[in-house]
C-alpha atoms as a PDB file:
ATOM      1  CA  MET A   1     105.788 143.201 -51.697  1.00  0.00           C
ATOM      2  CA  GLY A   2     102.653 141.289 -51.000  1.00  0.00           C
ATOM      3  CA  LEU A   3     100.407 141.621 -47.959  1.00  0.00           C
ATOM      4  CA  LEU A   4     101.960 138.490 -46.189  1.00  0.00           C
ATOM      5  CA  THR A   5     105.504 138.593 -47.364  1.00  0.00           C
ATOM      6  CA  ASP A   6     107.852 136.807 -45.058  1.00  0.00           C
ATOM      7  CA  ARG A   7     104.987 134.905 -43.398  1.00  0.00           C
ATOM      8  CA  VAL A   8     104.992 131.255 -42.844  1.00  0.00           C
ATOM      9  CA  ALA A   9     101.297 130.067 -42.623  1.00  0.00           C
ATOM     10  CA  ILE A  10      99.621 126.941 -41.744  1.00  0.00           C
ATOM     11  CA  ILE A  11      96.184 126.531 -43.261  1.00  0.00           C
ATOM     12  CA  THR A  12      94.175 123.607 -42.171  1.00  0.00           C
ATOM     13  CA  GLY A  13      91.418 122.007 -44.023  1.00  0.00           C
ATOM     14  CA  ALA A  14      93.274 123.149 -47.214  1.00  0.00           C
ATOM     15  CA  SER A  15      92.169 120.416 -49.606  1.00  0.00           C
ATOM     16  CA  LYS A  16      89.223 122.169 -51.177  1.00  0.00           C
ATOM     17  CA  GLY A  17      86.545 124.963 -50.632  1.00  0.00           C
ATOM     18  CA  ILE A  18      87.723 127.908 -48.322  1.00  0.00           C
ATOM     19  CA  GLY A  19      90.814 126.201 -47.474  1.00  0.00           C
ATOM     20  CA  ARG A  20      92.086 125.790 -50.929  1.00  0.00           C
ATOM     21  CA  VAL A  21      91.164 129.402 -52.155  1.00  0.00           C
ATOM     22  CA  MET A  22      92.895 130.702 -48.921  1.00  0.00           C
ATOM     23  CA  SER A  23      96.023 128.787 -49.497  1.00  0.00           C
ATOM     24  CA  GLN A  24      96.169 130.117 -52.906  1.00  0.00           C
ATOM     25  CA  LEU A  25      95.556 133.735 -52.021  1.00  0.00           C
ATOM     26  CA  PHE A  26      98.107 133.558 -48.972  1.00  0.00           C
ATOM     27  CA  ALA A  27     100.695 132.216 -51.450  1.00  0.00           C
ATOM     28  CA  ARG A  28     100.037 135.001 -53.842  1.00  0.00           C
ATOM     29  CA  GLU A  29     100.315 137.653 -51.180  1.00  0.00           C
ATOM     30  CA  GLY A  30     103.751 136.252 -50.346  1.00  0.00           C
ATOM     31  CA  ALA A  31     103.386 133.634 -47.579  1.00  0.00           C
ATOM     32  CA  LYS A  32     105.052 130.251 -47.447  1.00  0.00           C
ATOM     33  CA  VAL A  33     102.090 127.994 -46.906  1.00  0.00           C
ATOM     34  CA  VAL A  34     101.777 124.762 -45.151  1.00  0.00           C
ATOM     35  CA  CYS A  35      98.655 122.975 -46.545  1.00  0.00           C
ATOM     36  CA  ALA A  36      97.315 120.644 -44.142  1.00  0.00           C
ATOM     37  CA  ALA A  37      94.372 118.216 -44.683  1.00  0.00           C
ATOM     38  CA  ARG A  38      93.312 114.587 -44.319  1.00  0.00           C
ATOM     39  CA  SER A  39      92.681 114.076 -47.970  1.00  0.00           C
ATOM     40  CA  ASP A  40      96.065 113.191 -49.693  1.00  0.00           C
ATOM     41  CA  ALA A  41      95.174 113.460 -53.410  1.00  0.00           C
ATOM     42  CA  LEU A  42      93.225 116.890 -52.930  1.00  0.00           C
ATOM     43  CA  VAL A  43      95.693 118.739 -50.669  1.00  0.00           C
ATOM     44  CA  ARG A  44      98.564 117.817 -53.011  1.00  0.00           C
ATOM     45  CA  GLU A  45      96.465 119.276 -55.784  1.00  0.00           C
ATOM     46  CA  THR A  46      96.192 122.537 -53.816  1.00  0.00           C
ATOM     47  CA  VAL A  47      99.978 122.570 -53.406  1.00  0.00           C
ATOM     48  CA  ALA A  48     100.360 121.956 -57.171  1.00  0.00           C
ATOM     49  CA  LEU A  49      98.196 124.740 -58.027  1.00  0.00           C
ATOM     50  CA  ILE A  50     100.092 127.074 -55.750  1.00  0.00           C
ATOM     51  CA  GLN A  51     103.490 125.973 -57.103  1.00  0.00           C
ATOM     52  CA  SER A  52     102.348 126.203 -60.604  1.00  0.00           C
ATOM     53  CA  ALA A  53     101.600 129.923 -60.067  1.00  0.00           C
ATOM     54  CA  GLY A  54     104.952 130.517 -58.662  1.00  0.00           C
ATOM     55  CA  GLY A  55     104.147 130.371 -54.819  1.00  0.00           C
ATOM     56  CA  GLN A  56     105.650 128.236 -52.152  1.00  0.00           C
ATOM     57  CA  ALA A  57     103.787 125.528 -50.359  1.00  0.00           C
ATOM     58  CA  ILE A  58     104.138 122.005 -49.003  1.00  0.00           C
ATOM     59  CA  ALA A  59     101.539 119.418 -48.220  1.00  0.00           C
ATOM     60  CA  MET A  60     100.955 117.831 -44.948  1.00  0.00           C
ATOM     61  CA  VAL A  61      98.655 114.881 -44.875  1.00  0.00           C
ATOM     62  CA  CYS A  62      97.343 114.298 -41.380  1.00  0.00           C
ATOM     63  CA  ASP A  63      94.465 114.570 -38.979  1.00  0.00           C
ATOM     64  CA  ALA A  64      94.592 117.849 -36.972  1.00  0.00           C
ATOM     65  CA  SER A  65      92.114 116.766 -34.400  1.00  0.00           C
ATOM     66  CA  VAL A  66      94.608 114.312 -32.745  1.00  0.00           C
ATOM     67  CA  GLU A  67      97.810 115.429 -30.860  1.00  0.00           C
ATOM     68  CA  ASP A  68     100.236 113.566 -33.222  1.00  0.00           C
ATOM     69  CA  GLY A  69      98.622 115.129 -36.197  1.00  0.00           C
ATOM     70  CA  ALA A  70      98.542 118.841 -34.964  1.00  0.00           C
ATOM     71  CA  ARG A  71     102.018 118.481 -33.734  1.00  0.00           C
ATOM     72  CA  ALA A  72     103.462 117.070 -36.991  1.00  0.00           C
ATOM     73  CA  ILE A  73     101.752 120.022 -38.833  1.00  0.00           C
ATOM     74  CA  VAL A  74     103.680 122.718 -36.947  1.00  0.00           C
ATOM     75  CA  ASP A  75     106.888 120.732 -36.814  1.00  0.00           C
ATOM     76  CA  THR A  76     106.743 120.256 -40.596  1.00  0.00           C
ATOM     77  CA  GLY A  77     106.342 123.986 -41.167  1.00  0.00           C
ATOM     78  CA  VAL A  78     109.335 125.002 -38.855  1.00  0.00           C
ATOM     79  CA  ARG A  79     111.429 122.263 -40.603  1.00  0.00           C
ATOM     80  CA  ALA A  80     110.439 123.341 -44.194  1.00  0.00           C
ATOM     81  CA  PHE A  81     110.582 127.269 -43.629  1.00  0.00           C
ATOM     82  CA  GLY A  82     112.504 127.872 -40.396  1.00  0.00           C
ATOM     83  CA  ARG A  83     109.655 129.008 -38.381  1.00  0.00           C
ATOM     84  CA  VAL A  84     105.769 129.252 -38.284  1.00  0.00           C
ATOM     85  CA  ASP A  85     104.110 132.715 -37.443  1.00  0.00           C
ATOM     86  CA  THR A  86     100.533 132.244 -38.924  1.00  0.00           C
ATOM     87  CA  LEU A  87      97.706 129.882 -38.321  1.00  0.00           C
ATOM     88  CA  VAL A  88      94.305 129.754 -39.875  1.00  0.00           C
ATOM     89  CA  ASN A  89      92.248 127.091 -38.124  1.00  0.00           C
ATOM     90  CA  ASN A  90      89.872 126.207 -41.106  1.00  0.00           C
ATOM     91  CA  ALA A  91      89.523 122.386 -40.664  1.00  0.00           C
ATOM     92  CA  GLY A  92      86.274 120.888 -39.708  1.00  0.00           C
ATOM     93  CA  ASP A  93      83.293 118.959 -40.942  1.00  0.00           C
ATOM     94  CA  GLY A  94      79.875 120.163 -40.244  1.00  0.00           C
ATOM     95  CA  GLY A  95      78.466 116.878 -39.088  1.00  0.00           C
ATOM     96  CA  PRO A  96      74.932 115.646 -39.695  1.00  0.00           C
ATOM     97  CA  THR A  97      71.796 117.547 -39.620  1.00  0.00           C
ATOM     98  CA  LYS A  98      69.362 115.612 -37.090  1.00  0.00           C
ATOM     99  CA  PRO A  99      66.959 116.365 -34.386  1.00  0.00           C
ATOM    100  CA  VAL A 100      68.913 116.348 -31.050  1.00  0.00           C
ATOM    101  CA  GLN A 101      67.110 113.206 -29.813  1.00  0.00           C
ATOM    102  CA  ASP A 102      68.657 111.293 -32.861  1.00  0.00           C
ATOM    103  CA  TYR A 103      72.162 112.984 -32.684  1.00  0.00           C
ATOM    104  CA  THR A 104      74.400 110.218 -31.536  1.00  0.00           C
ATOM    105  CA  VAL A 105      77.533 110.547 -29.165  1.00  0.00           C
ATOM    106  CA  ASP A 106      79.541 109.484 -32.308  1.00  0.00           C
ATOM    107  CA  ASP A 107      77.994 112.268 -34.237  1.00  0.00           C
ATOM    108  CA  TRP A 108      78.723 114.729 -31.442  1.00  0.00           C
ATOM    109  CA  PHE A 109      82.563 113.947 -31.032  1.00  0.00           C
ATOM    110  CA  TYR A 110      83.187 113.591 -34.599  1.00  0.00           C
ATOM    111  CA  THR A 111      81.876 117.033 -35.114  1.00  0.00           C
ATOM    112  CA  VAL A 112      83.209 118.730 -32.057  1.00  0.00           C
ATOM    113  CA  ASN A 113      86.525 117.084 -32.570  1.00  0.00           C
ATOM    114  CA  SER A 114      86.825 117.918 -36.235  1.00  0.00           C
ATOM    115  CA  CYS A 115      86.072 121.652 -35.597  1.00  0.00           C
ATOM    116  CA  LEU A 116      86.883 122.697 -32.258  1.00  0.00           C
ATOM    117  CA  THR A 117      89.518 120.047 -31.031  1.00  0.00           C
ATOM    118  CA  SER A 118      91.672 120.563 -34.045  1.00  0.00           C
ATOM    119  CA  ALA A 119      91.620 124.400 -33.627  1.00  0.00           C
ATOM    120  CA  TYR A 120      92.764 123.938 -29.942  1.00  0.00           C
ATOM    121  CA  LEU A 121      95.480 121.467 -30.787  1.00  0.00           C
ATOM    122  CA  CYS A 122      97.000 123.297 -33.794  1.00  0.00           C
ATOM    123  CA  SER A 123      97.013 126.638 -31.604  1.00  0.00           C
ATOM    124  CA  ARG A 124      98.568 124.698 -28.785  1.00  0.00           C
ATOM    125  CA  PHE A 125     101.407 123.547 -30.892  1.00  0.00           C
ATOM    126  CA  ALA A 126     101.939 126.689 -32.968  1.00  0.00           C
ATOM    127  CA  VAL A 127     102.029 129.233 -30.113  1.00  0.00           C
ATOM    128  CA  PRO A 128     105.432 128.078 -28.988  1.00  0.00           C
ATOM    129  CA  ALA A 129     106.647 128.576 -32.709  1.00  0.00           C
ATOM    130  CA  MET A 130     105.074 131.865 -32.748  1.00  0.00           C
ATOM    131  CA  MET A 131     106.723 133.045 -29.571  1.00  0.00           C
ATOM    132  CA  SER A 132     110.132 131.905 -30.975  1.00  0.00           C
ATOM    133  CA  ALA A 133     109.353 133.925 -34.156  1.00  0.00           C
ATOM    134  CA  GLY A 134     108.521 136.993 -31.938  1.00  0.00           C
ATOM    135  CA  ARG A 135     104.929 137.378 -33.525  1.00  0.00           C
ATOM    136  CA  GLY A 136     101.973 135.388 -34.623  1.00  0.00           C
ATOM    137  CA  ALA A 137      98.563 135.741 -35.934  1.00  0.00           C
ATOM    138  CA  ILE A 138      95.753 133.071 -35.356  1.00  0.00           C
ATOM    139  CA  VAL A 139      92.481 133.130 -37.236  1.00  0.00           C
ATOM    140  CA  ASN A 140      89.676 130.784 -36.541  1.00  0.00           C
ATOM    141  CA  ILE A 141      87.102 130.137 -39.096  1.00  0.00           C
ATOM    142  CA  ALA A 142      84.019 129.819 -37.093  1.00  0.00           C
ATOM    143  CA  SER A 143      80.319 130.315 -38.196  1.00  0.00           C
ATOM    144  CA  MET A 144      77.387 132.242 -37.543  1.00  0.00           C
ATOM    145  CA  ALA A 145      75.786 129.139 -36.402  1.00  0.00           C
ATOM    146  CA  GLY A 146      78.050 129.570 -33.375  1.00  0.00           C
ATOM    147  CA  ARG A 147      76.405 132.871 -32.578  1.00  0.00           C
ATOM    148  CA  ARG A 148      72.825 132.641 -33.323  1.00  0.00           C
ATOM    149  CA  GLY A 149      72.270 128.889 -33.655  1.00  0.00           C
ATOM    150  CA  LEU A 150      70.832 126.474 -36.441  1.00  0.00           C
ATOM    151  CA  ALA A 151      68.315 124.013 -35.927  1.00  0.00           C
ATOM    152  CA  TYR A 152      69.127 120.400 -36.212  1.00  0.00           C
ATOM    153  CA  ARG A 153      73.055 121.142 -36.109  1.00  0.00           C
ATOM    154  CA  VAL A 154      73.710 120.955 -32.194  1.00  0.00           C
ATOM    155  CA  GLY A 155      77.144 119.631 -32.635  1.00  0.00           C
ATOM    156  CA  TYR A 156      78.170 122.123 -35.252  1.00  0.00           C
ATOM    157  CA  CYS A 157      76.616 125.107 -33.318  1.00  0.00           C
ATOM    158  CA  SER A 158      78.437 123.962 -30.125  1.00  0.00           C
ATOM    159  CA  ALA A 159      81.824 123.527 -31.992  1.00  0.00           C
ATOM    160  CA  LYS A 160      81.618 126.871 -33.591  1.00  0.00           C
ATOM    161  CA  ALA A 161      80.500 128.711 -30.505  1.00  0.00           C
ATOM    162  CA  GLY A 162      83.401 126.993 -28.721  1.00  0.00           C
ATOM    163  CA  GLN A 163      85.755 128.196 -31.471  1.00  0.00           C
ATOM    164  CA  ILE A 164      84.589 131.802 -30.776  1.00  0.00           C
ATOM    165  CA  GLY A 165      85.010 131.511 -27.013  1.00  0.00           C
ATOM    166  CA  MET A 166      88.511 130.077 -27.544  1.00  0.00           C
ATOM    167  CA  THR A 167      89.398 133.139 -29.663  1.00  0.00           C
ATOM    168  CA  TYR A 168      88.434 135.718 -26.944  1.00  0.00           C
ATOM    169  CA  GLY A 169      90.403 133.788 -24.208  1.00  0.00           C
ATOM    170  CA  LEU A 170      93.333 133.172 -26.507  1.00  0.00           C
ATOM    171  CA  ALA A 171      93.441 136.774 -27.370  1.00  0.00           C
ATOM    172  CA  LEU A 172      93.760 137.969 -23.927  1.00  0.00           C
ATOM    173  CA  GLU A 173      96.353 135.155 -22.870  1.00  0.00           C
ATOM    174  CA  LEU A 174      98.625 135.748 -25.940  1.00  0.00           C
ATOM    175  CA  GLY A 175      98.643 139.457 -26.625  1.00  0.00           C
ATOM    176  CA  ARG A 176     101.666 140.023 -24.434  1.00  0.00           C
ATOM    177  CA  HIS A 177     103.603 137.605 -26.701  1.00  0.00           C
ATOM    178  CA  ASN A 178     102.783 139.738 -29.929  1.00  0.00           C
ATOM    179  CA  ILE A 179     100.046 137.185 -31.085  1.00  0.00           C
ATOM    180  CA  THR A 180      96.720 138.246 -32.313  1.00  0.00           C
ATOM    181  CA  VAL A 181      93.759 135.983 -32.130  1.00  0.00           C
ATOM    182  CA  ASN A 182      90.621 136.564 -34.326  1.00  0.00           C
ATOM    183  CA  ALA A 183      87.687 134.707 -35.651  1.00  0.00           C
ATOM    184  CA  ILE A 184      85.613 135.018 -38.753  1.00  0.00           C
ATOM    185  CA  ALA A 185      82.030 133.849 -38.635  1.00  0.00           C
ATOM    186  CA  PRO A 186      80.795 133.168 -42.155  1.00  0.00           C
ATOM    187  CA  GLY A 187      77.057 132.989 -42.876  1.00  0.00           C
ATOM    188  CA  ALA A 188      76.046 130.799 -45.868  1.00  0.00           C
ATOM    189  CA  VAL A 189      79.077 130.301 -48.111  1.00  0.00           C
ATOM    190  CA  ALA A 190      78.487 129.110 -51.694  1.00  0.00           C
ATOM    191  CA  GLY A 191      79.806 125.617 -52.472  1.00  0.00           C
ATOM    192  CA  ASP A 192      79.381 121.919 -51.567  1.00  0.00           C
ATOM    193  CA  ARG A 193      79.241 122.188 -48.031  1.00  0.00           C
ATOM    194  CA  ILE A 194      76.145 124.727 -47.942  1.00  0.00           C
ATOM    195  CA  ASP A 195      74.510 122.452 -50.446  1.00  0.00           C
ATOM    196  CA  ARG A 196      74.660 119.621 -48.290  1.00  0.00           C
ATOM    197  CA  VAL A 197      73.402 121.603 -45.249  1.00  0.00           C
ATOM    198  CA  ILE A 198      70.498 122.982 -47.376  1.00  0.00           C
ATOM    199  CA  LYS A 199      69.487 119.564 -48.393  1.00  0.00           C
ATOM    200  CA  GLY A 200      69.661 118.282 -44.932  1.00  0.00           C
ATOM    201  CA  GLN A 201      67.602 121.191 -43.651  1.00  0.00           C
ATOM    202  CA  ALA A 202      65.071 120.671 -46.303  1.00  0.00           C
ATOM    203  CA  GLU A 203      64.715 116.927 -45.570  1.00  0.00           C
ATOM    204  CA  VAL A 204      64.310 117.339 -41.822  1.00  0.00           C
ATOM    205  CA  ARG A 205      61.880 120.189 -42.135  1.00  0.00           C
ATOM    206  CA  GLY A 206      59.988 118.419 -45.015  1.00  0.00           C
ATOM    207  CA  VAL A 207      60.356 121.583 -47.408  1.00  0.00           C
ATOM    208  CA  ASP A 208      61.482 121.668 -51.023  1.00  0.00           C
ATOM    209  CA  VAL A 209      65.259 122.137 -51.257  1.00  0.00           C
ATOM    210  CA  GLU A 210      65.026 125.205 -53.591  1.00  0.00           C
ATOM    211  CA  ARG A 211      62.662 126.944 -51.434  1.00  0.00           C
ATOM    212  CA  MET A 212      65.276 126.314 -48.436  1.00  0.00           C
ATOM    213  CA  ARG A 213      67.979 127.678 -50.589  1.00  0.00           C
ATOM    214  CA  GLU A 214      65.964 130.713 -51.235  1.00  0.00           C
ATOM    215  CA  SER A 215      65.555 131.214 -47.418  1.00  0.00           C
ATOM    216  CA  PHE A 216      69.130 131.212 -46.917  1.00  0.00           C
ATOM    217  CA  VAL A 217      69.692 134.001 -49.615  1.00  0.00           C
ATOM    218  CA  GLU A 218      66.545 135.873 -48.771  1.00  0.00           C
ATOM    219  CA  ARG A 219      67.655 136.747 -45.275  1.00  0.00           C
ATOM    220  CA  SER A 220      70.867 138.535 -46.286  1.00  0.00           C
ATOM    221  CA  PRO A 221      70.356 142.253 -47.495  1.00  0.00           C
ATOM    222  CA  LEU A 222      72.696 141.817 -50.415  1.00  0.00           C
ATOM    223  CA  ARG A 223      70.696 138.933 -51.652  1.00  0.00           C
ATOM    224  CA  ARG A 224      73.548 136.570 -52.110  1.00  0.00           C
ATOM    225  CA  MET A 225      75.658 133.952 -50.325  1.00  0.00           C
ATOM    226  CA  SER A 226      79.381 134.634 -49.514  1.00  0.00           C
ATOM    227  CA  THR A 227      82.105 133.191 -51.432  1.00  0.00           C
ATOM    228  CA  PRO A 228      85.427 131.451 -50.231  1.00  0.00           C
ATOM    229  CA  ASP A 229      87.177 134.597 -51.624  1.00  0.00           C
ATOM    230  CA  ASP A 230      85.293 136.760 -49.201  1.00  0.00           C
ATOM    231  CA  ILE A 231      86.226 134.620 -46.168  1.00  0.00           C
ATOM    232  CA  SER A 232      89.824 134.314 -47.588  1.00  0.00           C
ATOM    233  CA  SER A 233      90.612 137.965 -48.038  1.00  0.00           C
ATOM    234  CA  LEU A 234      89.430 138.893 -44.645  1.00  0.00           C
ATOM    235  CA  ALA A 235      91.720 136.119 -43.145  1.00  0.00           C
ATOM    236  CA  ALA A 236      94.584 137.522 -45.180  1.00  0.00           C
ATOM    237  CA  PHE A 237      94.013 140.946 -43.844  1.00  0.00           C
ATOM    238  CA  LEU A 238      93.807 139.815 -40.216  1.00  0.00           C
ATOM    239  CA  CYS A 239      97.012 137.898 -40.701  1.00  0.00           C
ATOM    240  CA  SER A 240      98.905 140.912 -42.128  1.00  0.00           C
ATOM    241  CA  ASP A 241     100.584 143.863 -40.364  1.00  0.00           C
ATOM    242  CA  LEU A 242      97.541 145.891 -41.369  1.00  0.00           C
ATOM    243  CA  ALA A 243      95.689 144.094 -38.463  1.00  0.00           C
ATOM    244  CA  ARG A 244      98.343 144.175 -36.036  1.00  0.00           C
ATOM    245  CA  ASN A 245      96.250 146.027 -33.385  1.00  0.00           C
ATOM    246  CA  ILE A 246      93.183 143.874 -33.931  1.00  0.00           C
ATOM    247  CA  SER A 247      92.588 141.001 -31.647  1.00  0.00           C
ATOM    248  CA  GLY A 248      89.843 139.214 -29.783  1.00  0.00           C
ATOM    249  CA  GLN A 249      87.247 139.911 -32.562  1.00  0.00           C
ATOM    250  CA  CYS A 250      84.660 137.669 -34.193  1.00  0.00           C
ATOM    251  CA  ILE A 251      83.831 139.216 -37.356  1.00  0.00           C
ATOM    252  CA  PRO A 252      80.644 138.262 -39.409  1.00  0.00           C
ATOM    253  CA  VAL A 253      80.803 137.797 -43.095  1.00  0.00           C
ATOM    254  CA  THR A 254      77.099 137.439 -43.763  1.00  0.00           C
ATOM    255  CA  ALA A 255      76.411 139.547 -46.983  1.00  0.00           C
ATOM    256  CA  GLY A 256      74.926 142.225 -44.718  1.00  0.00           C
ATOM    257  CA  GLU A 257      72.742 140.057 -42.561  1.00  0.00           C
ATOM    258  CA  PRO A 258      72.827 141.208 -38.807  1.00  0.00           C
ATOM    259  CA  ALA A 259      74.984 139.091 -36.464  1.00  0.00           C
ATOM    260  CA  SER A 260      72.353 138.570 -33.964  1.00  0.00           C
END
């Protein structure tokens, strides 16, 4: 028996990075996984990796930040596997690194919609399916940027703070339906995204890229970045019966760096 045996899990942003690693882990732990993303080729590659390892997964290519896309993700899961009882809101683009006076309305809505609106919409459509299933677990992949901020990233900080607030509110609302809602707040996570963030921060601050990278690592007591595996293993725990009495929490994964 795996940690997530008999679960049917939707994971958004499943085309690469944390989403791909998490989809593979959930499948190894026994879940049937709906891998959702906007990138057709990449999300199908994620599904192929799961199936080649003996897991069960399907791909859903859509935009989770619009109603039709989010609804279709849930409907596809129910049709394919009979129910949906697990949702990880991982989708989201970090948006640009710019001073606020240069941060356009288009920048703002793109970033907020990709991170926060997608999480709201997927939760909105998944909750009735979870109620029908008699249980549910929602995990929002937020960010420490939503707790302590990050200069030149106003849209991203706002969207991630919104995800954390949504986590607290939905936990109170949905507890009576046996649905837990938690957030994970990663610090710097090794991969392409943090490389882009570091490059952008270095450019806007006028400092060397490698020095900026060092600054991200030096502030953590463990002197390392987190990895997609670190985030994925916590998400799997929070979606399992081991965490059935944990709800309304925002858990930092920061290689030991204080949360505030």
